[in-house]
PDB file of all heavy atoms in Angstrom:
ATOM      1  N   THR A   1       7.156  14.757  -5.187  1.00  0.00           N
ATOM      2  CA  THR A   1       8.196  15.426  -4.299  1.00  0.00           C
ATOM      3  C   THR A   1       7.639  16.649  -3.571  1.00  0.00           C
ATOM      4  O   THR A   1       8.311  17.501  -3.108  1.00  0.00           O
ATOM      5  CB  THR A   1       9.355  16.048  -5.219  1.00  0.00           C
ATOM      6  OG1 THR A   1       8.771  16.802  -6.335  1.00  0.00           O
ATOM      7  CG2 THR A   1      10.114  14.877  -5.906  1.00  0.00           C
ATOM      8  N   THR A   2       6.270  16.664  -3.515  1.00  0.00           N
ATOM      9  CA  THR A   2       5.561  17.580  -2.731  1.00  0.00           C
ATOM     10  C   THR A   2       5.360  17.085  -1.265  1.00  0.00           C
ATOM     11  O   THR A   2       4.501  16.157  -1.095  1.00  0.00           O
ATOM     12  CB  THR A   2       4.204  17.993  -3.457  1.00  0.00           C
ATOM     13  OG1 THR A   2       4.425  18.509  -4.716  1.00  0.00           O
ATOM     14  CG2 THR A   2       3.460  19.097  -2.602  1.00  0.00           C
ATOM     15  N   SER A   3       5.969  17.562  -0.328  1.00  0.00           N
ATOM     16  CA  SER A   3       5.991  16.877   1.013  1.00  0.00           C
ATOM     17  C   SER A   3       4.607  16.939   1.711  1.00  0.00           C
ATOM     18  O   SER A   3       4.257  15.970   2.369  1.00  0.00           O
ATOM     19  CB  SER A   3       6.993  17.609   1.949  1.00  0.00           C
ATOM     20  OG  SER A   3       6.737  19.064   1.992  1.00  0.00           O
ATOM     21  N   SER A   4       3.816  18.044   1.488  1.00  0.00           N
ATOM     22  CA  SER A   4       2.502  18.099   2.063  1.00  0.00           C
ATOM     23  C   SER A   4       1.592  17.085   1.524  1.00  0.00           C
ATOM     24  O   SER A   4       0.703  16.463   2.145  1.00  0.00           O
ATOM     25  CB  SER A   4       1.953  19.527   1.819  1.00  0.00           C
ATOM     26  OG  SER A   4       1.780  19.780   0.488  1.00  0.00           O
ATOM     27  N   PHE A   5       1.804  16.739   0.257  1.00  0.00           N
ATOM     28  CA  PHE A   5       1.021  15.633  -0.426  1.00  0.00           C
ATOM     29  C   PHE A   5       1.504  14.284   0.089  1.00  0.00           C
ATOM     30  O   PHE A   5       0.507  13.427   0.490  1.00  0.00           O
ATOM     31  CB  PHE A   5       1.096  15.794  -1.969  1.00  0.00           C
ATOM     32  CG  PHE A   5       0.403  14.724  -2.656  1.00  0.00           C
ATOM     33  CD1 PHE A   5      -1.023  14.716  -2.858  1.00  0.00           C
ATOM     34  CD2 PHE A   5       1.114  13.668  -3.212  1.00  0.00           C
ATOM     35  CE1 PHE A   5      -1.644  13.719  -3.528  1.00  0.00           C
ATOM     36  CE2 PHE A   5       0.413  12.598  -3.964  1.00  0.00           C
ATOM     37  CZ  PHE A   5      -0.953  12.663  -4.131  1.00  0.00           C
ATOM     38  N   LEU A   6       2.625  14.057   0.181  1.00  0.00           N
ATOM     39  CA  LEU A   6       3.212  12.666   0.593  1.00  0.00           C
ATOM     40  C   LEU A   6       2.832  12.425   2.024  1.00  0.00           C
ATOM     41  O   LEU A   6       2.562  11.334   2.416  1.00  0.00           O
ATOM     42  CB  LEU A   6       4.766  12.639   0.475  1.00  0.00           C
ATOM     43  CG  LEU A   6       5.226  12.921  -0.983  1.00  0.00           C
ATOM     44  CD1 LEU A   6       6.740  12.681  -1.076  1.00  0.00           C
ATOM     45  CD2 LEU A   6       4.685  11.820  -1.928  1.00  0.00           C
ATOM     46  N   ASP A   7       2.790  13.548   2.865  1.00  0.00           N
ATOM     47  CA  ASP A   7       2.437  13.247   4.310  1.00  0.00           C
ATOM     48  C   ASP A   7       1.011  12.826   4.413  1.00  0.00           C
ATOM     49  O   ASP A   7       0.754  12.084   5.322  1.00  0.00           O
ATOM     50  CB  ASP A   7       2.621  14.603   5.071  1.00  0.00           C
ATOM     51  CG  ASP A   7       3.999  15.003   5.193  1.00  0.00           C
ATOM     52  OD1 ASP A   7       4.832  14.153   5.077  1.00  0.00           O
ATOM     53  OD2 ASP A   7       4.368  16.125   5.505  1.00  0.00           O
ATOM     54  N   ARG A   8       0.079  13.159   3.459  1.00  0.00           N
ATOM     55  CA  ARG A   8      -1.335  12.754   3.596  1.00  0.00           C
ATOM     56  C   ARG A   8      -1.516  11.252   3.177  1.00  0.00           C
ATOM     57  O   ARG A   8      -2.402  10.617   3.646  1.00  0.00           O
ATOM     58  CB  ARG A   8      -2.225  13.660   2.695  1.00  0.00           C
ATOM     59  CG  ARG A   8      -2.255  15.036   3.130  1.00  0.00           C
ATOM     60  CD  ARG A   8      -2.541  15.268   4.599  1.00  0.00           C
ATOM     61  NE  ARG A   8      -3.782  14.597   5.084  1.00  0.00           N
ATOM     62  CZ  ARG A   8      -4.982  15.073   4.997  1.00  0.00           C
ATOM     63  NH1 ARG A   8      -5.115  16.369   4.484  1.00  0.00           N
ATOM     64  NH2 ARG A   8      -6.145  14.496   5.394  1.00  0.00           N
ATOM     65  N   LEU A   9      -0.571  10.761   2.390  1.00  0.00           N
ATOM     66  CA  LEU A   9      -0.701   9.381   1.852  1.00  0.00           C
ATOM     67  C   LEU A   9       0.151   8.431   2.622  1.00  0.00           C
ATOM     68  O   LEU A   9      -0.234   7.207   2.789  1.00  0.00           O
ATOM     69  CB  LEU A   9      -0.254   9.333   0.421  1.00  0.00           C
ATOM     70  CG  LEU A   9      -1.315   9.593  -0.682  1.00  0.00           C
ATOM     71  CD1 LEU A   9      -1.922  10.994  -0.538  1.00  0.00           C
ATOM     72  CD2 LEU A   9      -0.805   9.413  -2.064  1.00  0.00           C
ATOM     73  N   ARG A  10       1.259   8.854   3.193  1.00  0.00           N
ATOM     74  CA  ARG A  10       2.197   7.870   3.863  1.00  0.00           C
ATOM     75  C   ARG A  10       1.577   7.345   5.101  1.00  0.00           C
ATOM     76  O   ARG A  10       1.040   8.110   6.010  1.00  0.00           O
ATOM     77  CB  ARG A  10       3.572   8.723   4.224  1.00  0.00           C
ATOM     78  CG  ARG A  10       4.573   7.700   4.779  1.00  0.00           C
ATOM     79  CD  ARG A  10       5.849   8.452   5.085  1.00  0.00           C
ATOM     80  NE  ARG A  10       6.448   8.851   3.864  1.00  0.00           N
ATOM     81  CZ  ARG A  10       6.527  10.204   3.582  1.00  0.00           C
ATOM     82  NH1 ARG A  10       5.951  11.119   4.244  1.00  0.00           N
ATOM     83  NH2 ARG A  10       7.248  10.537   2.429  1.00  0.00           N
ATOM     84  N   GLY A  11       1.419   5.997   5.239  1.00  0.00           N
ATOM     85  CA  GLY A  11       0.858   5.329   6.335  1.00  0.00           C
ATOM     86  C   GLY A  11      -0.798   5.290   6.350  1.00  0.00           C
ATOM     87  O   GLY A  11      -1.276   4.820   7.308  1.00  0.00           O
ATOM     88  N   THR A  12      -1.358   5.877   5.334  1.00  0.00           N
ATOM     89  CA  THR A  12      -2.645   5.962   5.273  1.00  0.00           C
ATOM     90  C   THR A  12      -3.284   4.724   4.463  1.00  0.00           C
ATOM     91  O   THR A  12      -2.917   4.387   3.444  1.00  0.00           O
ATOM     92  CB  THR A  12      -3.138   7.212   4.499  1.00  0.00           C
ATOM     93  OG1 THR A  12      -2.639   8.432   5.149  1.00  0.00           O
ATOM     94  CG2 THR A  12      -4.663   7.309   4.325  1.00  0.00           C
ATOM     95  N   GLY A  13      -4.329   4.094   5.168  1.00  0.00           N
ATOM     96  CA  GLY A  13      -4.904   2.919   4.543  1.00  0.00           C
ATOM     97  C   GLY A  13      -4.056   1.746   4.217  1.00  0.00           C
ATOM     98  O   GLY A  13      -4.063   1.264   3.015  1.00  0.00           O
ATOM     99  N   PRO A  14      -3.297   1.380   5.169  1.00  0.00           N
ATOM    100  CA  PRO A  14      -2.276   0.320   4.807  1.00  0.00           C
ATOM    101  C   PRO A  14      -2.982  -1.048   4.593  1.00  0.00           C
ATOM    102  O   PRO A  14      -3.895  -1.540   5.344  1.00  0.00           O
ATOM    103  CB  PRO A  14      -1.385   0.253   6.113  1.00  0.00           C
ATOM    104  CG  PRO A  14      -2.303   0.701   7.171  1.00  0.00           C
ATOM    105  CD  PRO A  14      -3.136   1.712   6.591  1.00  0.00           C
ATOM    106  N   LEU A  15      -2.522  -1.847   3.563  1.00  0.00           N
ATOM    107  CA  LEU A  15      -2.794  -3.135   3.371  1.00  0.00           C
ATOM    108  C   LEU A  15      -1.468  -4.002   3.101  1.00  0.00           C
ATOM    109  O   LEU A  15      -0.795  -3.690   2.135  1.00  0.00           O
ATOM    110  CB  LEU A  15      -3.714  -3.170   1.994  1.00  0.00           C
ATOM    111  CG  LEU A  15      -4.081  -4.662   1.604  1.00  0.00           C
ATOM    112  CD1 LEU A  15      -5.156  -5.245   2.629  1.00  0.00           C
ATOM    113  CD2 LEU A  15      -4.677  -4.643   0.199  1.00  0.00           C
ATOM    114  N   THR A  16      -1.188  -4.728   4.113  1.00  0.00           N
ATOM    115  CA  THR A  16       0.060  -5.351   4.074  1.00  0.00           C
ATOM    116  C   THR A  16       0.106  -6.533   2.938  1.00  0.00           C
ATOM    117  O   THR A  16      -0.956  -6.927   2.552  1.00  0.00           O
ATOM    118  CB  THR A  16       0.359  -6.206   5.441  1.00  0.00           C
ATOM    119  OG1 THR A  16      -0.650  -7.267   5.476  1.00  0.00           O
ATOM    120  CG2 THR A  16       0.215  -5.268   6.584  1.00  0.00           C
ATOM    121  N   PRO A  17       1.358  -6.621   2.375  1.00  0.00           N
ATOM    122  CA  PRO A  17       1.396  -7.589   1.309  1.00  0.00           C
ATOM    123  C   PRO A  17       0.902  -9.019   1.779  1.00  0.00           C
ATOM    124  O   PRO A  17       0.309  -9.800   1.002  1.00  0.00           O
ATOM    125  CB  PRO A  17       2.932  -7.645   1.129  1.00  0.00           C
ATOM    126  CG  PRO A  17       3.375  -6.312   1.465  1.00  0.00           C
ATOM    127  CD  PRO A  17       2.613  -5.964   2.609  1.00  0.00           C
ATOM    128  N   GLU A  18       1.220  -9.364   2.945  1.00  0.00           N
ATOM    129  CA  GLU A  18       0.669 -10.694   3.495  1.00  0.00           C
ATOM    130  C   GLU A  18      -0.858 -10.739   3.353  1.00  0.00           C
ATOM    131  O   GLU A  18      -1.425 -11.702   2.994  1.00  0.00           O
ATOM    132  CB  GLU A  18       1.170 -10.851   4.995  1.00  0.00           C
ATOM    133  CG  GLU A  18       0.706 -12.260   5.550  1.00  0.00           C
ATOM    134  CD  GLU A  18       1.106 -12.317   6.972  1.00  0.00           C
ATOM    135  OE1 GLU A  18       1.634 -11.402   7.547  1.00  0.00           O
ATOM    136  OE2 GLU A  18       0.880 -13.436   7.605  1.00  0.00           O
ATOM    137  N   ARG A  19      -1.530  -9.682   3.954  1.00  0.00           N
ATOM    138  CA  ARG A  19      -2.938  -9.668   3.781  1.00  0.00           C
ATOM    139  C   ARG A  19      -3.429  -9.629   2.328  1.00  0.00           C
ATOM    140  O   ARG A  19      -4.499 -10.326   1.994  1.00  0.00           O
ATOM    141  CB  ARG A  19      -3.535  -8.477   4.594  1.00  0.00           C
ATOM    142  CG  ARG A  19      -5.080  -8.384   4.696  1.00  0.00           C
ATOM    143  CD  ARG A  19      -5.708  -9.498   5.475  1.00  0.00           C
ATOM    144  NE  ARG A  19      -7.045  -9.523   5.329  1.00  0.00           N
ATOM    145  CZ  ARG A  19      -7.676 -10.259   4.455  1.00  0.00           C
ATOM    146  NH1 ARG A  19      -7.097 -11.197   3.721  1.00  0.00           N
ATOM    147  NH2 ARG A  19      -9.111 -10.273   4.414  1.00  0.00           N
ATOM    148  N   ALA A  20      -2.753  -8.956   1.482  1.00  0.00           N
ATOM    149  CA  ALA A  20      -3.098  -8.971   0.140  1.00  0.00           C
ATOM    150  C   ALA A  20      -2.988 -10.300  -0.594  1.00  0.00           C
ATOM    151  O   ALA A  20      -4.014 -10.705  -1.315  1.00  0.00           O
ATOM    152  CB  ALA A  20      -2.243  -7.831  -0.604  1.00  0.00           C
ATOM    153  N   ARG A  21      -2.020 -11.072  -0.202  1.00  0.00           N
ATOM    154  CA  ARG A  21      -1.902 -12.383  -0.676  1.00  0.00           C
ATOM    155  C   ARG A  21      -2.898 -13.312  -0.163  1.00  0.00           C
ATOM    156  O   ARG A  21      -3.385 -14.159  -0.812  1.00  0.00           O
ATOM    157  CB  ARG A  21      -0.468 -12.931  -0.490  1.00  0.00           C
ATOM    158  CG  ARG A  21       0.665 -12.271  -1.280  1.00  0.00           C
ATOM    159  CD  ARG A  21       1.937 -13.067  -1.018  1.00  0.00           C
ATOM    160  NE  ARG A  21       2.490 -12.975   0.327  1.00  0.00           N
ATOM    161  CZ  ARG A  21       3.269 -11.925   0.710  1.00  0.00           C
ATOM    162  NH1 ARG A  21       3.704 -11.035  -0.203  1.00  0.00           N
ATOM    163  NH2 ARG A  21       3.670 -11.964   2.028  1.00  0.00           N
ATOM    164  N   GLN A  22      -3.160 -13.087   1.021  1.00  0.00           N
ATOM    165  CA  GLN A  22      -4.271 -13.980   1.736  1.00  0.00           C
ATOM    166  C   GLN A  22      -5.532 -13.812   1.055  1.00  0.00           C
ATOM    167  O   GLN A  22      -6.347 -14.824   0.851  1.00  0.00           O
ATOM    168  CB  GLN A  22      -4.288 -13.656   3.160  1.00  0.00           C
ATOM    169  CG  GLN A  22      -5.202 -14.557   4.072  1.00  0.00           C
ATOM    170  CD  GLN A  22      -5.352 -14.000   5.487  1.00  0.00           C
ATOM    171  OE1 GLN A  22      -5.440 -12.899   5.745  1.00  0.00           O
ATOM    172  NE2 GLN A  22      -5.311 -15.004   6.347  1.00  0.00           N
ATOM    173  N   HIS A  23      -5.921 -12.545   0.768  1.00  0.00           N
ATOM    174  CA  HIS A  23      -7.145 -12.269   0.111  1.00  0.00           C
ATOM    175  C   HIS A  23      -7.192 -12.575  -1.401  1.00  0.00           C
ATOM    176  O   HIS A  23      -8.161 -12.826  -1.985  1.00  0.00           O
ATOM    177  CB  HIS A  23      -7.544 -10.734   0.312  1.00  0.00           C
ATOM    178  CG  HIS A  23      -8.833 -10.346  -0.361  1.00  0.00           C
ATOM    179  ND1 HIS A  23     -10.083 -10.554   0.355  1.00  0.00           N
ATOM    180  CD2 HIS A  23      -9.144  -9.727  -1.444  1.00  0.00           C
ATOM    181  CE1 HIS A  23     -11.073 -10.225  -0.477  1.00  0.00           C
ATOM    182  NE2 HIS A  23     -10.472  -9.648  -1.529  1.00  0.00           N
ATOM    183  N   GLY A  24      -5.890 -12.636  -1.946  1.00  0.00           N
ATOM    184  CA  GLY A  24      -5.900 -12.679  -3.513  1.00  0.00           C
ATOM    185  C   GLY A  24      -6.169 -11.418  -4.050  1.00  0.00           C
ATOM    186  O   GLY A  24      -6.855 -11.330  -5.239  1.00  0.00           O
ATOM    187  N   ALA A  25      -5.742 -10.299  -3.449  1.00  0.00           N
ATOM    188  CA  ALA A  25      -5.956  -8.963  -3.969  1.00  0.00           C
ATOM    189  C   ALA A  25      -5.373  -8.743  -5.433  1.00  0.00           C
ATOM    190  O   ALA A  25      -4.353  -9.436  -5.757  1.00  0.00           O
ATOM    191  CB  ALA A  25      -5.376  -7.940  -2.958  1.00  0.00           C
ATOM    192  N   LEU A  26      -6.116  -7.924  -6.166  1.00  0.00           N
ATOM    193  CA  LEU A  26      -5.735  -7.803  -7.571  1.00  0.00           C
ATOM    194  C   LEU A  26      -5.067  -6.504  -7.909  1.00  0.00           C
ATOM    195  O   LEU A  26      -5.452  -5.546  -7.249  1.00  0.00           O
ATOM    196  CB  LEU A  26      -7.056  -7.950  -8.434  1.00  0.00           C
ATOM    197  CG  LEU A  26      -7.804  -9.191  -8.177  1.00  0.00           C
ATOM    198  CD1 LEU A  26      -9.058  -9.137  -9.015  1.00  0.00           C
ATOM    199  CD2 LEU A  26      -7.050 -10.454  -8.519  1.00  0.00           C
ATOM    200  N   ALA A  27      -4.162  -6.392  -8.923  1.00  0.00           N
ATOM    201  CA  ALA A  27      -3.538  -5.220  -9.352  1.00  0.00           C
ATOM    202  C   ALA A  27      -2.947  -4.351  -8.304  1.00  0.00           C
ATOM    203  O   ALA A  27      -2.281  -4.888  -7.401  1.00  0.00           O
ATOM    204  CB  ALA A  27      -4.582  -4.378 -10.195  1.00  0.00           C
ATOM    205  N   VAL A  28      -3.249  -2.969  -8.356  1.00  0.00           N
ATOM    206  CA  VAL A  28      -2.556  -2.100  -7.514  1.00  0.00           C
ATOM    207  C   VAL A  28      -2.698  -2.379  -5.914  1.00  0.00           C
ATOM    208  O   VAL A  28      -1.769  -2.202  -5.217  1.00  0.00           O
ATOM    209  CB  VAL A  28      -3.053  -0.650  -7.772  1.00  0.00           C
ATOM    210  CG1 VAL A  28      -2.434   0.383  -6.785  1.00  0.00           C
ATOM    211  CG2 VAL A  28      -2.634  -0.332  -9.232  1.00  0.00           C
ATOM    212  N   PRO A  29      -3.873  -2.852  -5.443  1.00  0.00           N
ATOM    213  CA  PRO A  29      -3.996  -2.953  -4.013  1.00  0.00           C
ATOM    214  C   PRO A  29      -3.205  -4.118  -3.528  1.00  0.00           C
ATOM    215  O   PRO A  29      -2.835  -4.278  -2.298  1.00  0.00           O
ATOM    216  CB  PRO A  29      -5.439  -3.383  -3.886  1.00  0.00           C
ATOM    217  CG  PRO A  29      -6.169  -2.607  -4.908  1.00  0.00           C
ATOM    218  CD  PRO A  29      -5.389  -2.746  -6.088  1.00  0.00           C
ATOM    219  N   SER A  30      -2.651  -5.049  -4.476  1.00  0.00           N
ATOM    220  CA  SER A  30      -1.882  -6.231  -3.985  1.00  0.00           C
ATOM    221  C   SER A  30      -0.385  -5.630  -3.608  1.00  0.00           C
ATOM    222  O   SER A  30       0.224  -6.121  -2.702  1.00  0.00           O
ATOM    223  CB  SER A  30      -1.670  -7.229  -5.103  1.00  0.00           C
ATOM    224  OG  SER A  30      -1.017  -6.737  -6.218  1.00  0.00           O
ATOM    225  N   ALA A  31       0.080  -4.642  -4.302  1.00  0.00           N
ATOM    226  CA  ALA A  31       1.320  -3.931  -4.040  1.00  0.00           C
ATOM    227  C   ALA A  31       2.453  -4.919  -3.622  1.00  0.00           C
ATOM    228  O   ALA A  31       3.085  -4.815  -2.546  1.00  0.00           O
ATOM    229  CB  ALA A  31       1.185  -2.949  -2.767  1.00  0.00           C
ATOM    230  N   LYS A  32       2.630  -5.883  -4.424  1.00  0.00           N
ATOM    231  CA  LYS A  32       3.560  -7.020  -4.150  1.00  0.00           C
ATOM    232  C   LYS A  32       5.075  -6.599  -4.009  1.00  0.00           C
ATOM    233  O   LYS A  32       5.731  -7.202  -3.288  1.00  0.00           O
ATOM    234  CB  LYS A  32       3.425  -8.179  -5.144  1.00  0.00           C
ATOM    235  CG  LYS A  32       2.077  -8.822  -5.108  1.00  0.00           C
ATOM    236  CD  LYS A  32       1.963  -9.871  -6.167  1.00  0.00           C
ATOM    237  CE  LYS A  32       0.684 -10.620  -6.096  1.00  0.00           C
ATOM    238  NZ  LYS A  32       0.492 -11.564  -7.214  1.00  0.00           N
ATOM    239  N   SER A  33       5.347  -5.551  -4.752  1.00  0.00           N
ATOM    240  CA  SER A  33       6.760  -5.150  -4.735  1.00  0.00           C
ATOM    241  C   SER A  33       7.066  -4.089  -3.631  1.00  0.00           C
ATOM    242  O   SER A  33       8.234  -3.545  -3.619  1.00  0.00           O
ATOM    243  CB  SER A  33       7.057  -4.505  -6.191  1.00  0.00           C
ATOM    244  OG  SER A  33       6.294  -3.387  -6.442  1.00  0.00           O
ATOM    245  N   HIS A  34       6.160  -3.747  -2.839  1.00  0.00           N
ATOM    246  CA  HIS A  34       6.247  -2.688  -1.770  1.00  0.00           C
ATOM    247  C   HIS A  34       5.841  -3.181  -0.455  1.00  0.00           C
ATOM    248  O   HIS A  34       4.779  -3.745  -0.408  1.00  0.00           O
ATOM    249  CB  HIS A  34       5.543  -1.378  -2.204  1.00  0.00           C
ATOM    250  CG  HIS A  34       5.925  -0.801  -3.437  1.00  0.00           C
ATOM    251  ND1 HIS A  34       7.029   0.095  -3.491  1.00  0.00           N
ATOM    252  CD2 HIS A  34       5.613  -0.957  -4.819  1.00  0.00           C
ATOM    253  CE1 HIS A  34       7.195   0.448  -4.703  1.00  0.00           C
ATOM    254  NE2 HIS A  34       6.273  -0.169  -5.538  1.00  0.00           N
ATOM    255  N   VAL A  35       6.566  -2.950   0.614  1.00  0.00           N
ATOM    256  CA  VAL A  35       6.299  -3.495   1.845  1.00  0.00           C
ATOM    257  C   VAL A  35       5.106  -2.739   2.632  1.00  0.00           C
ATOM    258  O   VAL A  35       4.320  -3.339   3.239  1.00  0.00           O
ATOM    259  CB  VAL A  35       7.482  -3.448   2.744  1.00  0.00           C
ATOM    260  CG1 VAL A  35       7.216  -3.988   4.158  1.00  0.00           C
ATOM    261  CG2 VAL A  35       8.534  -4.381   2.136  1.00  0.00           C
ATOM    262  N   ALA A  36       5.157  -1.381   2.480  1.00  0.00           N
ATOM    263  CA  ALA A  36       4.231  -0.532   3.335  1.00  0.00           C
ATOM    264  C   ALA A  36       2.835  -0.957   2.989  1.00  0.00           C
ATOM    265  O   ALA A  36       1.911  -0.902   3.920  1.00  0.00           O
ATOM    266  CB  ALA A  36       4.572   0.875   3.153  1.00  0.00           C
ATOM    267  N   GLY A  37       2.406  -0.864   1.785  1.00  0.00           N
ATOM    268  CA  GLY A  37       1.055  -1.256   1.297  1.00  0.00           C
ATOM    269  C   GLY A  37       0.070  -0.098   1.609  1.00  0.00           C
ATOM    270  O   GLY A  37      -1.141  -0.344   1.672  1.00  0.00           O
TER     271      GLY A  37
END
């Protein structure tokens, strides 16, 4: 809930779920339940 922290992470280093599935990404990087990635 720290806005200055969230601002640094939001939109940073995105990996789309589609690309994660295509690669067969594992664990956290796959982020299957979240769209932003």
